[in-house]
Amino acid sequence: MALPNPGMTIDPERTALVITDPQNDFLSPNGVTWGVVGESVTENKTVENIERLLKAAKQKGIPVFISPHYYYPTDHGWQFEGALETLMHNIGMFDRRGALSLDGFKGSGADWLEGYKPYIEDGKTVVTSPHKVYGPESNDLVLQLRKRGIDKVILGGMSANLCVEAHMRELLEQGFEVTVVKDATAAAKVEEGDGYQTALVNFRYLANTVWTTAQAVEAITQSR
């Protein structure tokens, strides 16, 4: 038996585009995770598709929110971590020199992919405080959305089975309608399995609907 597809209608005044971790360490061939995520990013055309979403949202006036992942030197003092947290800290993923410092930030693994900067640094995009594990429970994304009267979210970014899925789950629990754009994300392929394929199943089980980038762009463009 196939699952129902409730769908989601875009109301530009109540809908936001949320992108998680559009950063070099995930999306650049020079990023520290490219060896495990690069194949999935390339297959899905993730870099290009995230930019298509950003461009469409900006053209339509739909607000854009970025939920980034940063680690500061003090975060390396954690006394216990999960498997991926341990790996991220070991490889210096998303490292910054401090919460109040941009020294060494430009072009680093924590920085935005260069092609996204015109969209993110336009003075209108909301960059939330960083999430520290996977979901938005530890940052101000939900507050920022609520303060703008937003209750519908188009969700993409990195990576599929970690931050994207965790954001989807928490936003659903917080009462938002959530559409996941399945080819505007990607995930690691490791010995234990393909994170992207795992996430696709849960996206379909949980989200209000799952779109391709083409479907999302069309829905954004035609919204009123």
N, C-alpha and C. Protein backbone atom coordinates (compact mmCIF):
# COMPACT_ATOMS: atom_id res chain seq x y z
N MET A 1 0.85 -1.19 0.00
CA MET A 1 0.00 0.00 0.00
C MET A 1 0.88 1.24 0.00
N ALA A 2 0.62 2.16 -0.91
CA ALA A 2 1.39 3.40 -0.98
C ALA A 2 0.91 4.39 0.09
N LEU A 3 1.83 5.18 0.60
CA LEU A 3 1.49 6.21 1.58
C LEU A 3 0.74 7.35 0.90
N PRO A 4 -0.16 8.03 1.62
CA PRO A 4 -0.81 9.21 1.05
C PRO A 4 0.19 10.34 0.87
N ASN A 5 -0.14 11.28 0.01
CA ASN A 5 0.72 12.43 -0.24
C ASN A 5 -0.09 13.70 0.04
N PRO A 6 -0.02 14.22 1.27
CA PRO A 6 -0.85 15.38 1.62
C PRO A 6 -0.53 16.62 0.81
N GLY A 7 0.70 16.75 0.32
CA GLY A 7 1.07 17.92 -0.46
C GLY A 7 1.24 19.16 0.41
N MET A 8 1.62 20.26 -0.23
CA MET A 8 1.72 21.54 0.46
C MET A 8 1.52 22.66 -0.54
N THR A 9 0.64 23.58 -0.20
CA THR A 9 0.40 24.76 -1.03
C THR A 9 1.24 25.90 -0.52
N ILE A 10 1.96 26.57 -1.40
CA ILE A 10 2.83 27.66 -0.99
C ILE A 10 2.04 28.96 -0.92
N ASP A 11 2.07 29.58 0.24
CA ASP A 11 1.59 30.94 0.45
C ASP A 11 2.83 31.77 0.73
N PRO A 12 3.23 32.68 -0.19
CA PRO A 12 4.48 33.41 -0.01
C PRO A 12 4.60 34.16 1.31
N GLU A 13 3.48 34.52 1.92
CA GLU A 13 3.53 35.25 3.18
C GLU A 13 3.71 34.32 4.37
N ARG A 14 3.53 33.03 4.16
CA ARG A 14 3.62 32.08 5.28
C ARG A 14 4.65 30.99 5.05
N THR A 15 5.41 31.10 3.95
CA THR A 15 6.33 30.03 3.54
C THR A 15 7.76 30.55 3.52
N ALA A 16 8.69 29.71 3.94
CA ALA A 16 10.11 30.05 3.88
C ALA A 16 10.89 28.91 3.25
N LEU A 17 12.00 29.27 2.66
CA LEU A 17 12.99 28.30 2.22
C LEU A 17 14.04 28.19 3.32
N VAL A 18 14.26 26.98 3.82
CA VAL A 18 15.28 26.74 4.84
C VAL A 18 16.36 25.84 4.25
N ILE A 19 17.60 26.29 4.31
CA ILE A 19 18.74 25.51 3.82
C ILE A 19 19.69 25.26 4.97
N THR A 20 20.01 24.00 5.18
CA THR A 20 20.95 23.64 6.23
C THR A 20 22.35 23.44 5.66
N ASP A 21 23.33 23.97 6.33
CA ASP A 21 24.76 23.70 6.08
C ASP A 21 25.20 23.86 4.62
N PRO A 22 24.93 24.99 4.00
CA PRO A 22 25.40 25.19 2.61
C PRO A 22 26.86 25.64 2.60
N GLN A 23 27.71 24.81 3.17
CA GLN A 23 29.07 25.20 3.51
C GLN A 23 30.11 24.37 2.76
N ASN A 24 31.31 24.93 2.67
CA ASN A 24 32.37 24.30 1.88
C ASN A 24 32.70 22.88 2.32
N ASP A 25 32.68 22.63 3.63
CA ASP A 25 33.09 21.31 4.09
C ASP A 25 32.17 20.20 3.58
N PHE A 26 30.94 20.55 3.21
CA PHE A 26 30.03 19.57 2.62
C PHE A 26 29.99 19.63 1.09
N LEU A 27 30.06 20.82 0.52
CA LEU A 27 29.68 20.98 -0.88
C LEU A 27 30.83 21.31 -1.83
N SER A 28 32.00 21.57 -1.30
CA SER A 28 33.15 21.87 -2.14
C SER A 28 34.05 20.64 -2.26
N PRO A 29 34.62 20.40 -3.44
CA PRO A 29 35.59 19.31 -3.59
C PRO A 29 36.78 19.46 -2.65
N ASN A 30 36.99 20.65 -2.12
CA ASN A 30 38.06 20.87 -1.15
C ASN A 30 37.62 20.67 0.29
N GLY A 31 36.32 20.39 0.49
CA GLY A 31 35.80 20.21 1.84
C GLY A 31 36.27 18.91 2.47
N VAL A 32 36.27 18.87 3.78
CA VAL A 32 36.83 17.70 4.48
C VAL A 32 35.98 16.45 4.34
N THR A 33 34.72 16.58 3.91
CA THR A 33 33.87 15.38 3.77
C THR A 33 33.69 14.93 2.33
N TRP A 34 34.33 15.64 1.39
CA TRP A 34 34.06 15.35 -0.02
C TRP A 34 34.32 13.89 -0.37
N GLY A 35 35.27 13.27 0.26
CA GLY A 35 35.59 11.88 -0.05
C GLY A 35 34.43 10.92 0.18
N VAL A 36 33.52 11.27 1.09
CA VAL A 36 32.37 10.40 1.35
C VAL A 36 31.05 10.96 0.83
N VAL A 37 30.95 12.29 0.67
CA VAL A 37 29.69 12.86 0.17
C VAL A 37 29.74 13.26 -1.29
N GLY A 38 30.94 13.36 -1.86
CA GLY A 38 31.09 13.91 -3.21
C GLY A 38 30.30 13.16 -4.26
N GLU A 39 30.28 11.84 -4.17
CA GLU A 39 29.55 11.06 -5.17
C GLU A 39 28.07 11.38 -5.13
N SER A 40 27.50 11.45 -3.94
CA SER A 40 26.08 11.75 -3.80
C SER A 40 25.76 13.18 -4.23
N VAL A 41 26.61 14.14 -3.85
CA VAL A 41 26.42 15.53 -4.25
C VAL A 41 26.44 15.66 -5.76
N THR A 42 27.36 14.96 -6.40
CA THR A 42 27.48 15.02 -7.85
C THR A 42 26.29 14.36 -8.53
N GLU A 43 25.89 13.19 -8.05
CA GLU A 43 24.76 12.47 -8.65
C GLU A 43 23.47 13.29 -8.59
N ASN A 44 23.24 13.96 -7.47
CA ASN A 44 21.99 14.71 -7.28
C ASN A 44 22.05 16.12 -7.85
N LYS A 45 23.25 16.54 -8.29
CA LYS A 45 23.42 17.94 -8.69
C LYS A 45 23.01 18.86 -7.54
N THR A 46 23.40 18.48 -6.35
CA THR A 46 22.98 19.17 -5.13
C THR A 46 23.38 20.64 -5.13
N VAL A 47 24.62 20.92 -5.51
CA VAL A 47 25.10 22.31 -5.50
C VAL A 47 24.24 23.17 -6.40
N GLU A 48 24.02 22.70 -7.61
CA GLU A 48 23.22 23.46 -8.58
C GLU A 48 21.77 23.58 -8.11
N ASN A 49 21.23 22.52 -7.54
CA ASN A 49 19.82 22.55 -7.15
C ASN A 49 19.56 23.47 -5.96
N ILE A 50 20.48 23.51 -5.01
CA ILE A 50 20.32 24.47 -3.92
C ILE A 50 20.32 25.89 -4.47
N GLU A 51 21.20 26.17 -5.42
CA GLU A 51 21.23 27.51 -6.00
C GLU A 51 19.94 27.81 -6.75
N ARG A 52 19.37 26.83 -7.43
CA ARG A 52 18.10 27.04 -8.11
C ARG A 52 17.00 27.42 -7.11
N LEU A 53 16.99 26.77 -5.97
CA LEU A 53 16.00 27.09 -4.93
C LEU A 53 16.22 28.51 -4.39
N LEU A 54 17.47 28.84 -4.11
CA LEU A 54 17.77 30.18 -3.61
C LEU A 54 17.34 31.25 -4.61
N LYS A 55 17.65 31.04 -5.86
CA LYS A 55 17.31 32.01 -6.90
C LYS A 55 15.80 32.18 -7.03
N ALA A 56 15.08 31.07 -7.05
CA ALA A 56 13.62 31.12 -7.19
C ALA A 56 12.98 31.82 -6.00
N ALA A 57 13.44 31.51 -4.80
CA ALA A 57 12.87 32.13 -3.60
C ALA A 57 13.12 33.63 -3.60
N LYS A 58 14.33 34.03 -3.96
CA LYS A 58 14.65 35.46 -3.98
C LYS A 58 13.80 36.19 -5.02
N GLN A 59 13.64 35.59 -6.18
CA GLN A 59 12.86 36.23 -7.23
C GLN A 59 11.39 36.38 -6.84
N LYS A 60 10.90 35.45 -6.05
CA LYS A 60 9.49 35.48 -5.65
C LYS A 60 9.27 36.22 -4.34
N GLY A 61 10.33 36.59 -3.66
CA GLY A 61 10.19 37.29 -2.39
C GLY A 61 9.88 36.38 -1.22
N ILE A 62 10.14 35.09 -1.39
CA ILE A 62 9.96 34.15 -0.29
C ILE A 62 11.19 34.22 0.62
N PRO A 63 11.01 34.40 1.92
CA PRO A 63 12.17 34.56 2.79
C PRO A 63 13.03 33.30 2.87
N VAL A 64 14.32 33.53 2.99
CA VAL A 64 15.30 32.45 3.03
C VAL A 64 15.97 32.44 4.40
N PHE A 65 16.07 31.25 4.96
CA PHE A 65 16.72 31.06 6.26
C PHE A 65 17.84 30.04 6.09
N ILE A 66 19.00 30.35 6.64
CA ILE A 66 20.14 29.44 6.63
C ILE A 66 20.39 28.97 8.05
N SER A 67 20.43 27.67 8.23
CA SER A 67 20.76 27.09 9.55
C SER A 67 22.14 26.46 9.44
N PRO A 68 23.19 27.18 9.89
CA PRO A 68 24.56 26.71 9.68
C PRO A 68 25.04 25.82 10.81
N HIS A 69 26.17 25.20 10.56
CA HIS A 69 26.83 24.33 11.54
C HIS A 69 28.22 24.90 11.78
N TYR A 70 28.48 25.37 13.00
CA TYR A 70 29.80 25.89 13.36
C TYR A 70 30.29 25.22 14.63
N TYR A 71 31.59 25.00 14.69
CA TYR A 71 32.22 24.57 15.93
C TYR A 71 33.30 25.56 16.31
N TYR A 72 33.28 25.97 17.56
CA TYR A 72 34.27 26.88 18.10
C TYR A 72 35.27 26.09 18.96
N PRO A 73 36.41 26.66 19.27
CA PRO A 73 37.40 25.92 20.07
C PRO A 73 36.82 25.33 21.36
N THR A 74 35.92 26.05 21.99
CA THR A 74 35.34 25.54 23.24
C THR A 74 34.50 24.28 23.03
N ASP A 75 33.96 24.11 21.83
CA ASP A 75 33.15 22.91 21.56
C ASP A 75 34.02 21.65 21.55
N HIS A 76 35.29 21.80 21.38
CA HIS A 76 36.18 20.64 21.40
C HIS A 76 36.45 20.15 22.82
N GLY A 77 35.84 20.82 23.77
CA GLY A 77 35.94 20.36 25.15
C GLY A 77 34.82 19.42 25.57
N TRP A 78 33.95 19.07 24.63
CA TRP A 78 32.87 18.13 24.96
C TRP A 78 33.46 16.81 25.46
N GLN A 79 32.82 16.22 26.45
CA GLN A 79 33.35 15.01 27.06
C GLN A 79 32.72 13.73 26.50
N PHE A 80 31.66 13.86 25.73
CA PHE A 80 31.08 12.69 25.07
C PHE A 80 30.42 13.13 23.77
N GLU A 81 30.44 12.25 22.79
CA GLU A 81 29.93 12.57 21.45
C GLU A 81 29.43 11.30 20.78
N GLY A 82 28.52 11.48 19.82
CA GLY A 82 28.11 10.38 18.97
C GLY A 82 29.17 10.13 17.90
N ALA A 83 28.91 9.14 17.06
CA ALA A 83 29.90 8.73 16.06
C ALA A 83 30.28 9.86 15.12
N LEU A 84 29.28 10.51 14.54
CA LEU A 84 29.57 11.58 13.58
C LEU A 84 30.11 12.83 14.25
N GLU A 85 29.65 13.13 15.47
CA GLU A 85 30.22 14.26 16.19
C GLU A 85 31.71 14.05 16.40
N THR A 86 32.08 12.84 16.80
CA THR A 86 33.48 12.51 17.01
C THR A 86 34.28 12.71 15.73
N LEU A 87 33.73 12.21 14.62
CA LEU A 87 34.42 12.35 13.34
C LEU A 87 34.56 13.82 12.96
N MET A 88 33.48 14.59 13.09
CA MET A 88 33.53 16.00 12.70
C MET A 88 34.58 16.76 13.50
N HIS A 89 34.65 16.50 14.78
CA HIS A 89 35.65 17.18 15.59
C HIS A 89 37.07 16.70 15.24
N ASN A 90 37.21 15.44 14.94
CA ASN A 90 38.54 14.91 14.60
C ASN A 90 39.09 15.51 13.31
N ILE A 91 38.21 15.79 12.35
CA ILE A 91 38.68 16.30 11.05
C ILE A 91 38.58 17.82 10.94
N GLY A 92 38.16 18.48 12.02
CA GLY A 92 38.07 19.93 12.02
C GLY A 92 36.94 20.48 11.19
N MET A 93 35.88 19.72 11.05
CA MET A 93 34.76 20.13 10.21
C MET A 93 34.04 21.33 10.81
N PHE A 94 33.76 22.33 9.97
CA PHE A 94 33.01 23.53 10.36
C PHE A 94 33.70 24.35 11.44
N ASP A 95 34.99 24.16 11.62
CA ASP A 95 35.70 24.87 12.68
C ASP A 95 35.81 26.36 12.40
N ARG A 96 35.55 27.16 13.44
CA ARG A 96 35.81 28.60 13.43
C ARG A 96 36.65 28.96 14.64
N ARG A 97 37.29 30.09 14.59
CA ARG A 97 38.21 30.47 15.66
C ARG A 97 37.51 31.04 16.88
N GLY A 98 36.25 31.35 16.75
CA GLY A 98 35.50 31.85 17.89
C GLY A 98 34.15 32.37 17.46
N ALA A 99 33.21 32.44 18.40
CA ALA A 99 31.85 32.87 18.08
C ALA A 99 31.80 34.32 17.64
N LEU A 100 32.76 35.13 18.10
CA LEU A 100 32.74 36.55 17.78
C LEU A 100 33.85 36.95 16.83
N SER A 101 34.48 35.96 16.20
CA SER A 101 35.60 36.24 15.33
C SER A 101 35.37 35.65 13.95
N LEU A 102 35.71 36.43 12.92
CA LEU A 102 35.69 35.94 11.55
C LEU A 102 37.10 35.74 11.02
N ASP A 103 38.09 35.78 11.91
CA ASP A 103 39.47 35.52 11.49
C ASP A 103 39.57 34.13 10.86
N GLY A 104 40.07 34.08 9.65
CA GLY A 104 40.24 32.80 8.98
C GLY A 104 38.98 32.18 8.44
N PHE A 105 37.87 32.91 8.53
CA PHE A 105 36.59 32.33 8.10
C PHE A 105 36.45 32.28 6.59
N LYS A 106 36.82 33.37 5.92
CA LYS A 106 36.60 33.47 4.48
C LYS A 106 37.33 32.34 3.75
N GLY A 107 36.58 31.57 2.99
CA GLY A 107 37.14 30.47 2.22
C GLY A 107 37.41 29.21 3.01
N SER A 108 37.12 29.23 4.29
CA SER A 108 37.33 28.04 5.13
C SER A 108 36.23 27.02 4.91
N GLY A 109 36.36 25.87 5.53
CA GLY A 109 35.34 24.85 5.42
C GLY A 109 34.01 25.26 5.99
N ALA A 110 34.02 26.21 6.95
CA ALA A 110 32.79 26.69 7.57
C ALA A 110 32.10 27.76 6.75
N ASP A 111 32.81 28.33 5.78
CA ASP A 111 32.26 29.42 4.96
C ASP A 111 31.23 28.87 3.96
N TRP A 112 30.39 29.78 3.46
CA TRP A 112 29.42 29.41 2.44
C TRP A 112 30.14 29.03 1.15
N LEU A 113 29.52 28.14 0.40
CA LEU A 113 29.99 27.91 -0.95
C LEU A 113 29.96 29.24 -1.70
N GLU A 114 31.00 29.54 -2.44
CA GLU A 114 31.17 30.87 -3.02
C GLU A 114 29.96 31.29 -3.85
N GLY A 115 29.40 30.38 -4.64
CA GLY A 115 28.29 30.73 -5.51
C GLY A 115 27.01 31.10 -4.78
N TYR A 116 26.92 30.74 -3.50
CA TYR A 116 25.72 31.06 -2.72
C TYR A 116 25.79 32.42 -2.05
N LYS A 117 26.97 33.01 -2.00
CA LYS A 117 27.14 34.24 -1.23
C LYS A 117 26.26 35.40 -1.69
N PRO A 118 26.03 35.59 -3.00
CA PRO A 118 25.13 36.68 -3.40
C PRO A 118 23.72 36.53 -2.83
N TYR A 119 23.28 35.31 -2.62
CA TYR A 119 21.94 35.07 -2.07
C TYR A 119 21.93 35.20 -0.55
N ILE A 120 22.96 34.67 0.10
CA ILE A 120 22.99 34.63 1.56
C ILE A 120 23.40 35.96 2.16
N GLU A 121 24.28 36.69 1.46
CA GLU A 121 24.84 37.92 2.00
C GLU A 121 24.20 39.16 1.40
N ASP A 122 22.90 39.05 1.09
CA ASP A 122 22.19 40.18 0.46
C ASP A 122 21.53 41.10 1.48
N GLY A 123 21.74 40.84 2.76
CA GLY A 123 21.14 41.68 3.79
C GLY A 123 19.71 41.32 4.13
N LYS A 124 19.15 40.34 3.45
CA LYS A 124 17.76 39.93 3.70
C LYS A 124 17.66 38.50 4.22
N THR A 125 18.59 37.66 3.85
CA THR A 125 18.57 36.27 4.30
C THR A 125 18.83 36.19 5.80
N VAL A 126 18.06 35.38 6.49
CA VAL A 126 18.24 35.19 7.93
C VAL A 126 19.23 34.04 8.14
N VAL A 127 20.36 34.34 8.75
CA VAL A 127 21.31 33.31 9.15
C VAL A 127 21.12 33.08 10.64
N THR A 128 20.65 31.92 11.01
CA THR A 128 20.36 31.64 12.41
C THR A 128 21.65 31.39 13.19
N SER A 129 21.52 31.32 14.48
CA SER A 129 22.63 30.84 15.29
C SER A 129 22.91 29.39 14.88
N PRO A 130 24.12 28.89 15.13
CA PRO A 130 24.45 27.55 14.64
C PRO A 130 23.75 26.44 15.40
N HIS A 131 23.37 25.40 14.67
CA HIS A 131 22.98 24.17 15.36
C HIS A 131 24.27 23.40 15.67
N LYS A 132 24.25 22.64 16.73
CA LYS A 132 25.49 22.05 17.23
C LYS A 132 25.60 20.54 17.01
N VAL A 133 24.47 19.89 16.86
CA VAL A 133 24.52 18.46 16.56
C VAL A 133 23.89 18.27 15.19
N TYR A 134 22.58 18.08 15.10
CA TYR A 134 21.94 17.92 13.79
C TYR A 134 20.70 18.79 13.63
N GLY A 135 19.85 18.85 14.65
CA GLY A 135 18.58 19.54 14.54
C GLY A 135 18.62 20.97 15.02
N PRO A 136 17.50 21.69 14.83
CA PRO A 136 17.44 23.11 15.20
C PRO A 136 17.06 23.35 16.66
N GLU A 137 17.03 22.28 17.46
CA GLU A 137 16.66 22.45 18.86
C GLU A 137 17.62 23.38 19.60
N SER A 138 18.88 23.43 19.15
CA SER A 138 19.89 24.23 19.85
C SER A 138 20.14 25.59 19.19
N ASN A 139 19.35 25.94 18.17
CA ASN A 139 19.51 27.28 17.59
C ASN A 139 18.17 28.02 17.56
N ASP A 140 18.14 29.18 16.92
CA ASP A 140 16.95 30.03 16.97
C ASP A 140 16.11 29.98 15.70
N LEU A 141 16.23 28.91 14.91
CA LEU A 141 15.48 28.83 13.66
C LEU A 141 13.99 28.93 13.89
N VAL A 142 13.45 28.14 14.81
CA VAL A 142 11.99 28.13 15.03
C VAL A 142 11.53 29.51 15.49
N LEU A 143 12.27 30.14 16.38
CA LEU A 143 11.92 31.49 16.83
C LEU A 143 11.89 32.46 15.65
N GLN A 144 12.90 32.41 14.81
CA GLN A 144 12.97 33.33 13.68
C GLN A 144 11.81 33.11 12.71
N LEU A 145 11.44 31.86 12.49
CA LEU A 145 10.30 31.56 11.62
C LEU A 145 9.00 32.05 12.24
N ARG A 146 8.78 31.74 13.52
CA ARG A 146 7.54 32.13 14.20
C ARG A 146 7.38 33.64 14.21
N LYS A 147 8.46 34.36 14.45
CA LYS A 147 8.39 35.82 14.54
C LYS A 147 7.99 36.46 13.22
N ARG A 148 8.09 35.70 12.14
CA ARG A 148 7.69 36.21 10.83
C ARG A 148 6.38 35.60 10.34
N GLY A 149 5.71 34.89 11.22
CA GLY A 149 4.41 34.33 10.87
C GLY A 149 4.49 33.19 9.87
N ILE A 150 5.61 32.50 9.85
CA ILE A 150 5.81 31.42 8.88
C ILE A 150 5.44 30.08 9.50
N ASP A 151 4.65 29.30 8.78
CA ASP A 151 4.31 27.97 9.26
C ASP A 151 4.46 26.89 8.19
N LYS A 152 5.06 27.26 7.05
CA LYS A 152 5.33 26.31 5.98
C LYS A 152 6.80 26.43 5.60
N VAL A 153 7.46 25.29 5.43
CA VAL A 153 8.90 25.29 5.15
C VAL A 153 9.21 24.40 3.96
N ILE A 154 9.99 24.94 3.02
CA ILE A 154 10.60 24.16 1.95
C ILE A 154 12.03 23.91 2.40
N LEU A 155 12.42 22.66 2.52
CA LEU A 155 13.66 22.31 3.19
C LEU A 155 14.64 21.61 2.26
N GLY A 156 15.89 22.08 2.26
CA GLY A 156 16.97 21.42 1.54
C GLY A 156 18.28 21.70 2.24
N GLY A 157 19.37 21.21 1.67
CA GLY A 157 20.68 21.43 2.27
C GLY A 157 21.40 20.13 2.56
N MET A 158 22.34 20.20 3.46
CA MET A 158 23.17 19.05 3.80
C MET A 158 23.08 18.75 5.29
N SER A 159 23.33 17.48 5.65
CA SER A 159 23.24 16.36 4.73
C SER A 159 21.95 15.61 5.00
N ALA A 160 21.54 14.80 4.04
CA ALA A 160 20.18 14.28 4.01
C ALA A 160 19.76 13.55 5.28
N ASN A 161 20.55 12.57 5.71
CA ASN A 161 20.14 11.72 6.83
C ASN A 161 20.55 12.29 8.18
N LEU A 162 21.19 13.45 8.18
CA LEU A 162 21.62 14.05 9.43
C LEU A 162 20.88 15.36 9.66
N CYS A 163 21.44 16.48 9.24
CA CYS A 163 20.84 17.77 9.57
C CYS A 163 19.51 18.02 8.86
N VAL A 164 19.39 17.60 7.61
CA VAL A 164 18.12 17.82 6.91
C VAL A 164 17.01 17.01 7.58
N GLU A 165 17.27 15.73 7.81
CA GLU A 165 16.24 14.91 8.45
C GLU A 165 15.94 15.39 9.86
N ALA A 166 16.96 15.78 10.61
CA ALA A 166 16.73 16.26 11.98
C ALA A 166 15.93 17.56 11.98
N HIS A 167 16.21 18.46 11.04
CA HIS A 167 15.42 19.68 10.93
C HIS A 167 13.98 19.36 10.54
N MET A 168 13.81 18.45 9.59
CA MET A 168 12.46 18.06 9.19
C MET A 168 11.67 17.55 10.40
N ARG A 169 12.27 16.67 11.17
CA ARG A 169 11.56 16.06 12.29
C ARG A 169 11.16 17.11 13.33
N GLU A 170 12.10 17.98 13.68
CA GLU A 170 11.79 18.98 14.71
C GLU A 170 10.77 20.00 14.21
N LEU A 171 10.88 20.43 12.97
CA LEU A 171 9.91 21.38 12.45
C LEU A 171 8.51 20.77 12.41
N LEU A 172 8.41 19.50 12.05
CA LEU A 172 7.12 18.83 12.08
C LEU A 172 6.57 18.77 13.51
N GLU A 173 7.44 18.45 14.46
CA GLU A 173 7.01 18.39 15.86
C GLU A 173 6.57 19.76 16.37
N GLN A 174 7.13 20.82 15.79
CA GLN A 174 6.79 22.18 16.20
C GLN A 174 5.57 22.73 15.47
N GLY A 175 4.96 21.90 14.62
CA GLY A 175 3.71 22.30 13.99
C GLY A 175 3.83 22.96 12.64
N PHE A 176 4.99 22.84 11.98
CA PHE A 176 5.17 23.39 10.64
C PHE A 176 4.78 22.35 9.59
N GLU A 177 4.30 22.82 8.45
CA GLU A 177 4.22 21.98 7.27
C GLU A 177 5.60 21.97 6.63
N VAL A 178 6.06 20.80 6.22
CA VAL A 178 7.41 20.69 5.69
C VAL A 178 7.42 19.90 4.38
N THR A 179 7.99 20.53 3.36
CA THR A 179 8.28 19.86 2.11
C THR A 179 9.79 19.69 2.01
N VAL A 180 10.26 18.50 1.75
CA VAL A 180 11.69 18.25 1.56
C VAL A 180 11.97 18.16 0.06
N VAL A 181 13.02 18.86 -0.37
CA VAL A 181 13.43 18.81 -1.78
C VAL A 181 14.54 17.77 -1.90
N LYS A 182 14.19 16.63 -2.47
CA LYS A 182 15.04 15.45 -2.34
C LYS A 182 16.33 15.50 -3.14
N ASP A 183 16.39 16.31 -4.19
CA ASP A 183 17.65 16.40 -4.94
C ASP A 183 18.40 17.69 -4.65
N ALA A 184 17.96 18.41 -3.61
CA ALA A 184 18.71 19.56 -3.11
C ALA A 184 19.40 19.18 -1.81
N THR A 185 19.74 17.91 -1.70
CA THR A 185 20.47 17.37 -0.57
C THR A 185 21.30 16.19 -1.06
N ALA A 186 22.06 15.62 -0.18
CA ALA A 186 22.91 14.47 -0.50
C ALA A 186 23.43 13.94 0.82
N ALA A 187 24.19 12.85 0.78
CA ALA A 187 24.70 12.30 2.04
C ALA A 187 25.90 11.41 1.78
N ALA A 188 26.53 11.02 2.86
CA ALA A 188 27.72 10.18 2.78
C ALA A 188 27.37 8.75 2.38
N LYS A 189 28.30 8.17 1.64
CA LYS A 189 28.26 6.73 1.36
C LYS A 189 29.47 6.13 2.07
N VAL A 190 29.19 5.32 3.07
CA VAL A 190 30.26 4.72 3.86
C VAL A 190 30.02 3.22 4.00
N GLU A 191 30.92 2.55 4.65
CA GLU A 191 30.82 1.10 4.80
C GLU A 191 29.50 0.68 5.44
N GLU A 192 29.01 1.51 6.35
CA GLU A 192 27.77 1.16 7.05
C GLU A 192 26.51 1.39 6.23
N GLY A 193 26.62 2.10 5.10
CA GLY A 193 25.44 2.29 4.26
C GLY A 193 25.41 3.64 3.57
N ASP A 194 24.40 3.82 2.73
CA ASP A 194 24.19 5.03 1.95
C ASP A 194 23.20 5.91 2.71
N GLY A 195 23.70 6.99 3.29
CA GLY A 195 22.86 7.87 4.09
C GLY A 195 21.73 8.50 3.29
N TYR A 196 21.96 8.78 2.01
CA TYR A 196 20.94 9.42 1.19
C TYR A 196 19.74 8.51 0.99
N GLN A 197 19.99 7.26 0.64
CA GLN A 197 18.89 6.33 0.43
C GLN A 197 18.09 6.11 1.71
N THR A 198 18.79 6.08 2.82
CA THR A 198 18.11 5.96 4.12
C THR A 198 17.19 7.14 4.35
N ALA A 199 17.68 8.33 4.07
CA ALA A 199 16.89 9.54 4.31
C ALA A 199 15.65 9.61 3.42
N LEU A 200 15.77 9.17 2.17
CA LEU A 200 14.63 9.24 1.25
C LEU A 200 13.41 8.51 1.81
N VAL A 201 13.65 7.38 2.43
CA VAL A 201 12.54 6.61 3.01
C VAL A 201 11.87 7.43 4.11
N ASN A 202 12.67 8.01 4.99
CA ASN A 202 12.09 8.77 6.10
C ASN A 202 11.45 10.07 5.64
N PHE A 203 12.01 10.71 4.62
CA PHE A 203 11.36 11.89 4.06
C PHE A 203 9.93 11.55 3.63
N ARG A 204 9.79 10.46 2.92
CA ARG A 204 8.49 10.06 2.39
C ARG A 204 7.52 9.67 3.51
N TYR A 205 8.05 9.03 4.54
CA TYR A 205 7.22 8.62 5.67
C TYR A 205 6.70 9.83 6.46
N LEU A 206 7.50 10.88 6.57
CA LEU A 206 7.22 11.91 7.56
C LEU A 206 6.82 13.26 6.99
N ALA A 207 7.44 13.72 5.92
CA ALA A 207 7.18 15.07 5.41
C ALA A 207 5.77 15.19 4.84
N ASN A 208 5.28 16.42 4.75
CA ASN A 208 3.99 16.63 4.11
C ASN A 208 4.03 16.21 2.65
N THR A 209 5.17 16.47 2.03
CA THR A 209 5.39 16.00 0.67
C THR A 209 6.88 16.06 0.36
N VAL A 210 7.29 15.38 -0.69
CA VAL A 210 8.68 15.37 -1.13
C VAL A 210 8.68 15.80 -2.60
N TRP A 211 9.45 16.85 -2.90
CA TRP A 211 9.52 17.37 -4.25
C TRP A 211 10.91 17.22 -4.83
N THR A 212 11.00 17.27 -6.15
CA THR A 212 12.27 17.50 -6.81
C THR A 212 12.50 19.01 -6.86
N THR A 213 13.70 19.41 -7.20
CA THR A 213 13.97 20.84 -7.33
C THR A 213 13.10 21.46 -8.42
N ALA A 214 12.92 20.75 -9.52
CA ALA A 214 12.08 21.28 -10.59
C ALA A 214 10.66 21.53 -10.09
N GLN A 215 10.12 20.60 -9.31
CA GLN A 215 8.78 20.77 -8.77
C GLN A 215 8.72 21.93 -7.78
N ALA A 216 9.75 22.06 -6.96
CA ALA A 216 9.79 23.14 -5.97
C ALA A 216 9.87 24.49 -6.66
N VAL A 217 10.74 24.62 -7.66
CA VAL A 217 10.87 25.88 -8.37
C VAL A 217 9.56 26.26 -9.05
N GLU A 218 8.91 25.28 -9.65
CA GLU A 218 7.62 25.56 -10.31
C GLU A 218 6.59 26.03 -9.29
N ALA A 219 6.54 25.35 -8.14
CA ALA A 219 5.56 25.72 -7.10
C ALA A 219 5.85 27.11 -6.56
N ILE A 220 7.13 27.43 -6.35
CA ILE A 220 7.50 28.76 -5.88
C ILE A 220 7.11 29.82 -6.91
N THR A 221 7.46 29.58 -8.15
CA THR A 221 7.23 30.54 -9.22
C THR A 221 5.75 30.82 -9.42
N GLN A 222 4.92 29.80 -9.27
CA GLN A 222 3.49 29.95 -9.53
C GLN A 222 2.69 30.35 -8.30
N SER A 223 3.35 30.46 -7.15
CA SER A 223 2.63 30.79 -5.92
C SER A 223 2.13 32.22 -5.93
N ARG A 224 1.05 32.44 -5.19
CA ARG A 224 0.43 33.78 -5.12
C ARG A 224 0.10 34.12 -3.68
